[in-house]
Amino acid sequence: MCPECYLKKLPSKKEQGFLMPLALFILVGLGALAIAISRLSAGQFSAAVQESLSVQAFYAAESAAQVAMHQILFNTADKAGADGKCAAANGDILTFSAAGLNACSAQIACSIASSAGDTAGIYRVEATASCGQGQLAAERRVITGVRYE
């Protein structure tokens, strides 16, 4: 056995404690990277929800406009009847129960665009729908024209 083998050379003062600052630097860097990734993913989730609500609001507004056109045009005998149905539909509020639109509501505005002496009725139907609430909400408006002859 060699007693010199067990004698180790002690590190110099310059080499002591080098690993601790390196480990601390790596931990701080990884922590900052984790926070940045977390914030980025949260922002992307919020944007995806907002886009989905925007599409739902568009379809709700389109559906409300179709409901108004159906009320004006079907089972109407003459222009005066269509005028009355347009006036009756003005201000209607629709709430949806379908799976994709259950968080949406829409309001219908109908106005008569034709003159009193015209034989054809021209109507402007505006449907405004909103979906969601608070910061995650979207609103869309659809404007259509309807002609009754």
Protein backbone atom coordinates (compact mmCIF):
# COMPACT_ATOMS: atom_id res chain seq x y z
CA MET A 1 0.00 0.00 0.00
CA CYS A 2 1.18 3.36 -0.84
CA PRO A 3 0.50 6.11 1.72
CA GLU A 4 1.13 8.84 -0.85
CA CYS A 5 -1.85 7.62 -2.87
CA TYR A 6 -4.21 8.67 -0.14
CA LEU A 7 -2.85 12.12 0.08
CA LYS A 8 -4.84 14.21 -2.26
CA LYS A 9 -3.88 17.52 -3.53
CA LEU A 10 -6.27 20.10 -2.11
CA PRO A 11 -7.85 22.46 -4.65
CA SER A 12 -6.51 25.95 -4.75
CA LYS A 13 -8.55 28.91 -3.54
CA LYS A 14 -9.32 29.88 -7.14
CA GLU A 15 -11.07 26.59 -7.88
CA GLN A 16 -13.26 26.41 -4.77
CA GLY A 17 -16.98 27.27 -5.19
CA PHE A 18 -17.03 27.45 -9.00
CA LEU A 19 -19.90 24.99 -9.39
CA MET A 20 -22.33 26.84 -7.10
CA PRO A 21 -22.61 30.06 -9.20
CA LEU A 22 -22.88 27.98 -12.38
CA ALA A 23 -25.73 25.91 -10.92
CA LEU A 24 -27.47 29.07 -9.70
CA PHE A 25 -27.16 30.66 -13.14
CA ILE A 26 -28.63 27.56 -14.81
CA LEU A 27 -31.55 27.42 -12.35
CA VAL A 28 -32.41 31.10 -12.85
CA GLY A 29 -32.23 30.71 -16.64
CA LEU A 30 -34.48 27.66 -16.65
CA GLY A 31 -36.95 29.39 -14.32
CA ALA A 32 -37.18 32.40 -16.60
CA LEU A 33 -37.68 30.13 -19.61
CA ALA A 34 -40.48 28.25 -17.82
CA ILE A 35 -42.28 31.50 -16.96
CA ALA A 36 -42.00 32.74 -20.56
CA ILE A 37 -43.41 29.49 -21.97
CA SER A 38 -46.26 29.56 -19.44
CA ARG A 39 -47.27 33.09 -20.38
CA LEU A 40 -47.05 32.33 -24.09
CA SER A 41 -49.27 29.26 -23.81
CA ALA A 42 -51.82 31.16 -21.69
CA GLY A 43 -51.99 33.89 -24.35
CA GLN A 44 -52.48 31.34 -27.12
CA PHE A 45 -55.29 29.66 -25.18
CA SER A 46 -57.04 33.00 -24.71
CA ALA A 47 -56.69 33.80 -28.43
CA ALA A 48 -58.13 30.40 -29.40
CA VAL A 49 -61.15 30.89 -27.13
CA GLN A 50 -61.69 34.40 -28.52
CA GLU A 51 -61.57 33.09 -32.11
CA SER A 52 -64.08 30.36 -31.26
CA LEU A 53 -66.46 32.88 -29.68
CA SER A 54 -66.12 35.14 -32.71
CA VAL A 55 -67.16 32.33 -35.06
CA GLN A 56 -70.08 31.40 -32.80
CA ALA A 57 -71.25 35.03 -32.72
CA PHE A 58 -71.13 35.20 -36.53
CA TYR A 59 -73.23 32.05 -36.89
CA ALA A 60 -75.68 33.30 -34.26
CA ALA A 61 -76.10 36.61 -36.13
CA GLU A 62 -76.55 34.78 -39.43
CA SER A 63 -79.16 32.49 -37.87
CA ALA A 64 -81.05 35.46 -36.41
CA ALA A 65 -81.10 37.16 -39.82
CA GLN A 66 -82.51 33.98 -41.37
CA VAL A 67 -85.18 33.79 -38.68
CA ALA A 68 -86.21 37.38 -39.43
CA MET A 69 -86.34 36.76 -43.18
CA HIS A 70 -88.45 33.67 -42.57
CA GLN A 71 -90.87 35.70 -40.43
CA ILE A 72 -91.18 38.40 -43.10
CA LEU A 73 -91.47 36.26 -46.24
CA PHE A 74 -93.36 33.07 -45.37
CA ASN A 75 -97.14 32.92 -45.02
CA THR A 76 -97.44 36.56 -46.06
CA ALA A 77 -100.31 37.52 -48.35
CA ASP A 78 -99.26 41.00 -49.44
CA LYS A 79 -96.79 43.83 -48.95
CA ALA A 80 -98.79 45.30 -46.06
CA GLY A 81 -98.54 41.96 -44.24
CA ALA A 82 -94.78 41.87 -44.82
CA ASP A 83 -94.52 45.45 -43.53
CA GLY A 84 -96.36 44.41 -40.37
CA LYS A 85 -94.17 41.35 -39.88
CA CYS A 86 -91.03 43.49 -40.28
CA ALA A 87 -92.31 45.89 -37.64
CA ALA A 88 -93.17 42.95 -35.35
CA ALA A 89 -89.70 41.39 -35.76
CA ASN A 90 -87.95 44.66 -34.95
CA GLY A 91 -86.35 44.37 -31.52
CA ASP A 92 -86.82 40.61 -31.13
CA ILE A 93 -84.16 38.96 -28.97
CA LEU A 94 -83.26 35.35 -29.67
CA THR A 95 -81.54 33.04 -27.20
CA PHE A 96 -80.08 29.86 -28.61
CA SER A 97 -80.20 26.42 -27.01
CA ALA A 98 -78.21 24.49 -29.64
CA ALA A 99 -74.94 22.93 -28.49
CA GLY A 100 -72.68 25.34 -30.40
CA LEU A 101 -74.62 28.54 -29.70
CA ASN A 102 -75.92 28.06 -26.17
CA ALA A 103 -73.83 30.97 -24.81
CA CYS A 104 -75.12 33.37 -27.48
CA SER A 105 -78.01 35.76 -27.94
CA ALA A 106 -79.03 37.88 -30.90
CA GLN A 107 -81.17 40.94 -31.49
CA ILE A 108 -83.06 41.64 -34.73
CA ALA A 109 -83.63 45.08 -36.23
CA CYS A 110 -85.85 45.33 -39.28
CA SER A 111 -86.56 48.49 -41.25
CA ILE A 112 -88.63 49.14 -44.37
CA ALA A 113 -86.49 50.47 -47.22
CA SER A 114 -89.19 50.78 -49.89
CA SER A 115 -91.52 53.73 -50.47
CA ALA A 116 -95.21 53.61 -49.61
CA GLY A 117 -96.29 53.54 -53.27
CA ASP A 118 -94.01 50.66 -54.30
CA THR A 119 -95.61 47.34 -55.10
CA ALA A 120 -92.57 45.41 -53.86
CA GLY A 121 -91.42 45.55 -50.28
CA ILE A 122 -87.73 46.00 -49.59
CA TYR A 123 -86.56 45.37 -46.05
CA ARG A 124 -83.24 45.81 -44.27
CA VAL A 125 -82.62 43.15 -41.63
CA GLU A 126 -79.79 43.68 -39.16
CA ALA A 127 -78.93 40.95 -36.67
CA THR A 128 -76.44 41.59 -33.86
CA ALA A 129 -75.25 38.59 -31.86
CA SER A 130 -73.00 38.34 -28.84
CA CYS A 131 -71.37 35.28 -27.30
CA GLY A 132 -69.43 34.84 -24.09
CA GLN A 133 -69.02 37.33 -21.29
CA GLY A 134 -66.41 39.54 -19.66
CA GLN A 135 -63.03 39.68 -21.35
CA LEU A 136 -63.83 36.58 -23.38
CA ALA A 137 -66.75 37.90 -25.41
CA ALA A 138 -67.40 38.53 -29.09
CA GLU A 139 -70.06 40.43 -31.01
CA ARG A 140 -70.87 40.20 -34.72
CA ARG A 141 -73.38 41.97 -36.92
CA VAL A 142 -74.95 40.66 -40.13
CA ILE A 143 -76.93 42.99 -42.41
CA THR A 144 -79.10 41.57 -45.19
CA GLY A 145 -81.67 42.88 -47.61
CA VAL A 146 -84.99 41.18 -48.33
CA ARG A 147 -87.34 41.86 -51.25
CA TYR A 148 -90.99 40.81 -51.16
CA GLU A 149 -93.01 40.84 -54.39
